[in-house]
Amino acid sequence: MPKLYSARQIIRALQRLGFEVVSQKGSHIKLRKRVNGQVFSPIVPNHREIVMGTLQSILRQAGITKEELDENI
């Protein structure tokens, strides 16, 4: 079974990669990073365990790979 991450771990790793928390609505935390005119805005649900499909969606929204995330956790 693949390792599951918590929202806290994912948000901390994204902040190390330059993302900033911009808002929270309910249990969803929105981060943002601007790179060369592009804006990446991943939304992370504030849960204890993030399932793999949701993690893949977060990585796609952030424009990073799982390896980059793992290096910063």
PDB file of N, CA and C in Angstrom:
ATOM      1  N   MET A   1       0.849  -1.187   0.000  1.00  0.00           N
ATOM      2  CA  MET A   1       0.000   0.000   0.000  1.00  0.00           C
ATOM      3  C   MET A   1       0.888   1.243   0.000  1.00  0.00           C
ATOM      4  N   PRO A   2       0.588   2.225  -0.855  1.00  0.00           N
ATOM      5  CA  PRO A   2       1.413   3.431  -0.907  1.00  0.00           C
ATOM      6  C   PRO A   2       1.273   4.266   0.367  1.00  0.00           C
ATOM      7  N   LYS A   3       2.317   5.015   0.653  1.00  0.00           N
ATOM      8  CA  LYS A   3       2.310   5.874   1.836  1.00  0.00           C
ATOM      9  C   LYS A   3       1.325   7.027   1.640  1.00  0.00           C
ATOM     10  N   LEU A   4       0.523   7.286   2.657  1.00  0.00           N
ATOM     11  CA  LEU A   4      -0.412   8.397   2.609  1.00  0.00           C
ATOM     12  C   LEU A   4       0.171   9.574   3.380  1.00  0.00           C
ATOM     13  N   TYR A   5      -0.056  10.767   2.883  1.00  0.00           N
ATOM     14  CA  TYR A   5       0.429  11.986   3.519  1.00  0.00           C
ATOM     15  C   TYR A   5      -0.720  12.720   4.179  1.00  0.00           C
ATOM     16  N   SER A   6      -0.396  13.511   5.189  1.00  0.00           N
ATOM     17  CA  SER A   6      -1.404  14.369   5.802  1.00  0.00           C
ATOM     18  C   SER A   6      -1.379  15.728   5.106  1.00  0.00           C
ATOM     19  N   ALA A   7      -2.456  16.482   5.275  1.00  0.00           N
ATOM     20  CA  ALA A   7      -2.522  17.823   4.687  1.00  0.00           C
ATOM     21  C   ALA A   7      -1.393  18.687   5.231  1.00  0.00           C
ATOM     22  N   ARG A   8      -1.094  18.550   6.508  1.00  0.00           N
ATOM     23  CA  ARG A   8      -0.021  19.341   7.129  1.00  0.00           C
ATOM     24  C   ARG A   8       1.319  19.078   6.444  1.00  0.00           C
ATOM     25  N   GLN A   9       1.631  17.811   6.162  1.00  0.00           N
ATOM     26  CA  GLN A   9       2.889  17.472   5.491  1.00  0.00           C
ATOM     27  C   GLN A   9       2.938  18.058   4.083  1.00  0.00           C
ATOM     28  N   ILE A  10       1.834  17.949   3.366  1.00  0.00           N
ATOM     29  CA  ILE A  10       1.796  18.451   1.991  1.00  0.00           C
ATOM     30  C   ILE A  10       1.932  19.966   1.957  1.00  0.00           C
ATOM     31  N   ILE A  11       1.223  20.654   2.840  1.00  0.00           N
ATOM     32  CA  ILE A  11       1.291  22.119   2.873  1.00  0.00           C
ATOM     33  C   ILE A  11       2.693  22.584   3.247  1.00  0.00           C
ATOM     34  N   ARG A  12       3.312  21.933   4.223  1.00  0.00           N
ATOM     35  CA  ARG A  12       4.678  22.302   4.626  1.00  0.00           C
ATOM     36  C   ARG A  12       5.643  22.119   3.459  1.00  0.00           C
ATOM     37  N   ALA A  13       5.523  21.007   2.731  1.00  0.00           N
ATOM     38  CA  ALA A  13       6.392  20.756   1.586  1.00  0.00           C
ATOM     39  C   ALA A  13       6.166  21.801   0.486  1.00  0.00           C
ATOM     40  N   LEU A  14       4.908  22.129   0.220  1.00  0.00           N
ATOM     41  CA  LEU A  14       4.616  23.144  -0.801  1.00  0.00           C
ATOM     42  C   LEU A  14       5.160  24.508  -0.392  1.00  0.00           C
ATOM     43  N   GLN A  15       5.096  24.844   0.890  1.00  0.00           N
ATOM     44  CA  GLN A  15       5.651  26.117   1.344  1.00  0.00           C
ATOM     45  C   GLN A  15       7.169  26.135   1.164  1.00  0.00           C
ATOM     46  N   ARG A  16       7.824  25.014   1.376  1.00  0.00           N
ATOM     47  CA  ARG A  16       9.274  24.937   1.144  1.00  0.00           C
ATOM     48  C   ARG A  16       9.605  25.120  -0.328  1.00  0.00           C
ATOM     49  N   LEU A  17       8.644  24.788  -1.200  1.00  0.00           N
ATOM     50  CA  LEU A  17       8.831  24.964  -2.642  1.00  0.00           C
ATOM     51  C   LEU A  17       8.415  26.355  -3.117  1.00  0.00           C
ATOM     52  N   GLY A  18       8.022  27.235  -2.192  1.00  0.00           N
ATOM     53  CA  GLY A  18       7.720  28.618  -2.549  1.00  0.00           C
ATOM     54  C   GLY A  18       6.252  28.979  -2.606  1.00  0.00           C
ATOM     55  N   PHE A  19       5.365  28.058  -2.271  1.00  0.00           N
ATOM     56  CA  PHE A  19       3.935  28.358  -2.270  1.00  0.00           C
ATOM     57  C   PHE A  19       3.563  29.094  -0.986  1.00  0.00           C
ATOM     58  N   GLU A  20       2.536  29.940  -1.081  1.00  0.00           N
ATOM     59  CA  GLU A  20       2.031  30.671   0.084  1.00  0.00           C
ATOM     60  C   GLU A  20       0.555  30.348   0.270  1.00  0.00           C
ATOM     61  N   VAL A  21       0.137  30.207   1.522  1.00  0.00           N
ATOM     62  CA  VAL A  21      -1.278  29.999   1.816  1.00  0.00           C
ATOM     63  C   VAL A  21      -1.986  31.325   1.591  1.00  0.00           C
ATOM     64  N   VAL A  22      -3.027  31.319   0.743  1.00  0.00           N
ATOM     65  CA  VAL A  22      -3.738  32.561   0.446  1.00  0.00           C
ATOM     66  C   VAL A  22      -5.134  32.607   1.045  1.00  0.00           C
ATOM     67  N   SER A  23      -5.765  31.431   1.229  1.00  0.00           N
ATOM     68  CA  SER A  23      -7.103  31.443   1.827  1.00  0.00           C
ATOM     69  C   SER A  23      -7.488  30.042   2.278  1.00  0.00           C
ATOM     70  N   GLN A  24      -8.542  30.012   3.069  1.00  0.00           N
ATOM     71  CA  GLN A  24      -9.129  28.741   3.486  1.00  0.00           C
ATOM     72  C   GLN A  24     -10.635  28.908   3.513  1.00  0.00           C
ATOM     73  N   LYS A  25     -11.326  27.955   2.926  1.00  0.00           N
ATOM     74  CA  LYS A  25     -12.781  27.964   2.938  1.00  0.00           C
ATOM     75  C   LYS A  25     -13.226  26.587   3.409  1.00  0.00           C
ATOM     76  N   GLY A  26     -13.766  26.540   4.601  1.00  0.00           N
ATOM     77  CA  GLY A  26     -14.114  25.251   5.187  1.00  0.00           C
ATOM     78  C   GLY A  26     -12.854  24.463   5.462  1.00  0.00           C
ATOM     79  N   SER A  27     -12.783  23.240   4.940  1.00  0.00           N
ATOM     80  CA  SER A  27     -11.608  22.407   5.186  1.00  0.00           C
ATOM     81  C   SER A  27     -10.635  22.418   4.007  1.00  0.00           C
ATOM     82  N   HIS A  28     -10.796  23.333   3.068  1.00  0.00           N
ATOM     83  CA  HIS A  28      -9.922  23.391   1.905  1.00  0.00           C
ATOM     84  C   HIS A  28      -9.000  24.608   1.984  1.00  0.00           C
ATOM     85  N   ILE A  29      -7.703  24.339   1.864  1.00  0.00           N
ATOM     86  CA  ILE A  29      -6.676  25.373   1.977  1.00  0.00           C
ATOM     87  C   ILE A  29      -6.113  25.645   0.583  1.00  0.00           C
ATOM     88  N   LYS A  30      -6.108  26.899   0.195  1.00  0.00           N
ATOM     89  CA  LYS A  30      -5.649  27.308  -1.131  1.00  0.00           C
ATOM     90  C   LYS A  30      -4.265  27.927  -1.015  1.00  0.00           C
ATOM     91  N   LEU A  31      -3.346  27.454  -1.849  1.00  0.00           N
ATOM     92  CA  LEU A  31      -1.993  27.995  -1.902  1.00  0.00           C
ATOM     93  C   LEU A  31      -1.760  28.601  -3.273  1.00  0.00           C
ATOM     94  N   ARG A  32      -0.714  29.435  -3.398  1.00  0.00           N
ATOM     95  CA  ARG A  32      -0.446  30.073  -4.683  1.00  0.00           C
ATOM     96  C   ARG A  32       1.049  30.304  -4.846  1.00  0.00           C
ATOM     97  N   LYS A  33       1.503  30.193  -6.098  1.00  0.00           N
ATOM     98  CA  LYS A  33       2.890  30.495  -6.461  1.00  0.00           C
ATOM     99  C   LYS A  33       2.894  30.997  -7.896  1.00  0.00           C
ATOM    100  N   ARG A  34       3.625  32.068  -8.130  1.00  0.00           N
ATOM    101  CA  ARG A  34       3.764  32.612  -9.482  1.00  0.00           C
ATOM    102  C   ARG A  34       5.168  32.295  -9.993  1.00  0.00           C
ATOM    103  N   VAL A  35       5.213  31.743 -11.220  1.00  0.00           N
ATOM    104  CA  VAL A  35       6.492  31.394 -11.847  1.00  0.00           C
ATOM    105  C   VAL A  35       6.444  31.830 -13.301  1.00  0.00           C
ATOM    106  N   ASN A  36       7.274  32.788 -13.667  1.00  0.00           N
ATOM    107  CA  ASN A  36       7.375  33.259 -15.056  1.00  0.00           C
ATOM    108  C   ASN A  36       6.012  33.554 -15.678  1.00  0.00           C
ATOM    109  N   GLY A  37       5.170  34.266 -14.959  1.00  0.00           N
ATOM    110  CA  GLY A  37       3.866  34.642 -15.479  1.00  0.00           C
ATOM    111  C   GLY A  37       2.787  33.589 -15.308  1.00  0.00           C
ATOM    112  N   GLN A  38       3.165  32.386 -14.918  1.00  0.00           N
ATOM    113  CA  GLN A  38       2.179  31.331 -14.655  1.00  0.00           C
ATOM    114  C   GLN A  38       1.817  31.337 -13.188  1.00  0.00           C
ATOM    115  N   VAL A  39       0.556  31.047 -12.901  1.00  0.00           N
ATOM    116  CA  VAL A  39       0.087  30.980 -11.523  1.00  0.00           C
ATOM    117  C   VAL A  39      -0.356  29.553 -11.225  1.00  0.00           C
ATOM    118  N   PHE A  40       0.227  28.973 -10.175  1.00  0.00           N
ATOM    119  CA  PHE A  40      -0.153  27.638  -9.729  1.00  0.00           C
ATOM    120  C   PHE A  40      -0.933  27.791  -8.433  1.00  0.00           C
ATOM    121  N   SER A  41      -2.137  27.207  -8.377  1.00  0.00           N
ATOM    122  CA  SER A  41      -3.015  27.350  -7.210  1.00  0.00           C
ATOM    123  C   SER A  41      -3.561  25.996  -6.757  1.00  0.00           C
ATOM    124  N   PRO A  42      -2.739  25.191  -6.082  1.00  0.00           N
ATOM    125  CA  PRO A  42      -3.264  23.917  -5.578  1.00  0.00           C
ATOM    126  C   PRO A  42      -4.200  24.132  -4.396  1.00  0.00           C
ATOM    127  N   ILE A  43      -5.196  23.286  -4.282  1.00  0.00           N
ATOM    128  CA  ILE A  43      -6.128  23.321  -3.162  1.00  0.00           C
ATOM    129  C   ILE A  43      -5.987  22.014  -2.408  1.00  0.00           C
ATOM    130  N   VAL A  44      -5.692  22.104  -1.110  1.00  0.00           N
ATOM    131  CA  VAL A  44      -5.422  20.926  -0.287  1.00  0.00           C
ATOM    132  C   VAL A  44      -6.533  20.771   0.750  1.00  0.00           C
ATOM    133  N   PRO A  45      -7.231  19.623   0.754  1.00  0.00           N
ATOM    134  CA  PRO A  45      -8.230  19.401   1.800  1.00  0.00           C
ATOM    135  C   PRO A  45      -7.521  19.137   3.129  1.00  0.00           C
ATOM    136  N   ASN A  46      -8.001  19.737   4.192  1.00  0.00           N
ATOM    137  CA  ASN A  46      -7.348  19.627   5.497  1.00  0.00           C
ATOM    138  C   ASN A  46      -7.787  18.329   6.181  1.00  0.00           C
ATOM    139  N   HIS A  47      -7.212  17.205   5.719  1.00  0.00           N
ATOM    140  CA  HIS A  47      -7.532  15.889   6.253  1.00  0.00           C
ATOM    141  C   HIS A  47      -6.282  15.230   6.821  1.00  0.00           C
ATOM    142  N   ARG A  48      -6.482  14.255   7.681  1.00  0.00           N
ATOM    143  CA  ARG A  48      -5.337  13.535   8.273  1.00  0.00           C
ATOM    144  C   ARG A  48      -4.625  12.684   7.240  1.00  0.00           C
ATOM    145  N   GLU A  49      -5.371  12.101   6.322  1.00  0.00           N
ATOM    146  CA  GLU A  49      -4.786  11.289   5.260  1.00  0.00           C
ATOM    147  C   GLU A  49      -5.356  11.729   3.920  1.00  0.00           C
ATOM    148  N   ILE A  50      -4.463  12.011   2.984  1.00  0.00           N
ATOM    149  CA  ILE A  50      -4.867  12.401   1.635  1.00  0.00           C
ATOM    150  C   ILE A  50      -4.703  11.167   0.750  1.00  0.00           C
ATOM    151  N   VAL A  51      -5.777  10.714   0.112  1.00  0.00           N
ATOM    152  CA  VAL A  51      -5.717   9.522  -0.737  1.00  0.00           C
ATOM    153  C   VAL A  51      -4.924   9.815  -2.011  1.00  0.00           C
ATOM    154  N   MET A  52      -4.436   8.758  -2.669  1.00  0.00           N
ATOM    155  CA  MET A  52      -3.541   8.908  -3.810  1.00  0.00           C
ATOM    156  C   MET A  52      -4.146   9.720  -4.960  1.00  0.00           C
ATOM    157  N   GLY A  53      -5.403   9.523  -5.275  1.00  0.00           N
ATOM    158  CA  GLY A  53      -6.022  10.284  -6.363  1.00  0.00           C
ATOM    159  C   GLY A  53      -6.045  11.770  -6.078  1.00  0.00           C
ATOM    160  N   THR A  54      -6.338  12.127  -4.825  1.00  0.00           N
ATOM    161  CA  THR A  54      -6.351  13.537  -4.429  1.00  0.00           C
ATOM    162  C   THR A  54      -4.935  14.101  -4.448  1.00  0.00           C
ATOM    163  N   LEU A  55      -3.968  13.310  -3.995  1.00  0.00           N
ATOM    164  CA  LEU A  55      -2.569  13.749  -4.016  1.00  0.00           C
ATOM    165  C   LEU A  55      -2.120  14.017  -5.446  1.00  0.00           C
ATOM    166  N   GLN A  56      -2.472  13.138  -6.373  1.00  0.00           N
ATOM    167  CA  GLN A  56      -2.092  13.340  -7.772  1.00  0.00           C
ATOM    168  C   GLN A  56      -2.710  14.622  -8.333  1.00  0.00           C
ATOM    169  N   SER A  57      -3.935  14.926  -7.933  1.00  0.00           N
ATOM    170  CA  SER A  57      -4.588  16.150  -8.371  1.00  0.00           C
ATOM    171  C   SER A  57      -3.866  17.376  -7.804  1.00  0.00           C
ATOM    172  N   ILE A  58      -3.465  17.309  -6.538  1.00  0.00           N
ATOM    173  CA  ILE A  58      -2.732  18.414  -5.904  1.00  0.00           C
ATOM    174  C   ILE A  58      -1.411  18.635  -6.628  1.00  0.00           C
ATOM    175  N   LEU A  59      -0.699  17.552  -6.937  1.00  0.00           N
ATOM    176  CA  LEU A  59       0.587  17.665  -7.630  1.00  0.00           C
ATOM    177  C   LEU A  59       0.410  18.273  -9.008  1.00  0.00           C
ATOM    178  N   ARG A  60      -0.649  17.889  -9.710  1.00  0.00           N
ATOM    179  CA  ARG A  60      -0.928  18.435 -11.047  1.00  0.00           C
ATOM    180  C   ARG A  60      -1.234  19.928 -10.954  1.00  0.00           C
ATOM    181  N   GLN A  61      -2.043  20.327  -9.955  1.00  0.00           N
ATOM    182  CA  GLN A  61      -2.381  21.739  -9.770  1.00  0.00           C
ATOM    183  C   GLN A  61      -1.142  22.562  -9.405  1.00  0.00           C
ATOM    184  N   ALA A  62      -0.203  21.943  -8.669  1.00  0.00           N
ATOM    185  CA  ALA A  62       0.993  22.651  -8.229  1.00  0.00           C
ATOM    186  C   ALA A  62       2.090  22.637  -9.284  1.00  0.00           C
ATOM    187  N   GLY A  63       1.974  21.772 -10.284  1.00  0.00           N
ATOM    188  CA  GLY A  63       2.992  21.691 -11.327  1.00  0.00           C
ATOM    189  C   GLY A  63       4.280  21.071 -10.842  1.00  0.00           C
ATOM    190  N   ILE A  64       4.191  20.117  -9.889  1.00  0.00           N
ATOM    191  CA  ILE A  64       5.386  19.461  -9.361  1.00  0.00           C
ATOM    192  C   ILE A  64       5.213  17.946  -9.464  1.00  0.00           C
ATOM    193  N   THR A  65       6.313  17.227  -9.250  1.00  0.00           N
ATOM    194  CA  THR A  65       6.278  15.763  -9.266  1.00  0.00           C
ATOM    195  C   THR A  65       6.232  15.234  -7.836  1.00  0.00           C
ATOM    196  N   LYS A  66       5.914  13.953  -7.715  1.00  0.00           N
ATOM    197  CA  LYS A  66       5.880  13.310  -6.396  1.00  0.00           C
ATOM    198  C   LYS A  66       7.282  13.298  -5.778  1.00  0.00           C
ATOM    199  N   GLU A  67       8.301  13.164  -6.617  1.00  0.00           N
ATOM    200  CA  GLU A  67       9.683  13.167  -6.128  1.00  0.00           C
ATOM    201  C   GLU A  67      10.027  14.528  -5.504  1.00  0.00           C
ATOM    202  N   GLU A  68       9.598  15.616  -6.143  1.00  0.00           N
ATOM    203  CA  GLU A  68       9.839  16.946  -5.579  1.00  0.00           C
ATOM    204  C   GLU A  68       9.132  17.104  -4.236  1.00  0.00           C
ATOM    205  N   LEU A  69       7.925  16.584  -4.162  1.00  0.00           N
ATOM    206  CA  LEU A  69       7.185  16.635  -2.897  1.00  0.00           C
ATOM    207  C   LEU A  69       7.924  15.840  -1.826  1.00  0.00           C
ATOM    208  N   ASP A  70       8.341  14.610  -2.164  1.00  0.00           N
ATOM    209  CA  ASP A  70       9.038  13.745  -1.211  1.00  0.00           C
ATOM    210  C   ASP A  70      10.324  14.381  -0.691  1.00  0.00           C
ATOM    211  N   GLU A  71      11.052  15.095  -1.546  1.00  0.00           N
ATOM    212  CA  GLU A  71      12.298  15.755  -1.144  1.00  0.00           C
ATOM    213  C   GLU A  71      12.066  16.859  -0.122  1.00  0.00           C
ATOM    214  N   ASN A  72      10.863  17.415  -0.087  1.00  0.00           N
ATOM    215  CA  ASN A  72      10.582  18.560   0.777  1.00  0.00           C
ATOM    216  C   ASN A  72       9.709  18.231   1.971  1.00  0.00           C
ATOM    217  N   ILE A  73       9.349  16.960   2.142  1.00  0.00           N
ATOM    218  CA  ILE A  73       8.547  16.583   3.309  1.00  0.00           C
ATOM    219  C   ILE A  73       9.444  16.376   4.495  1.00  0.00           C
TER     220      ILE A  73
END
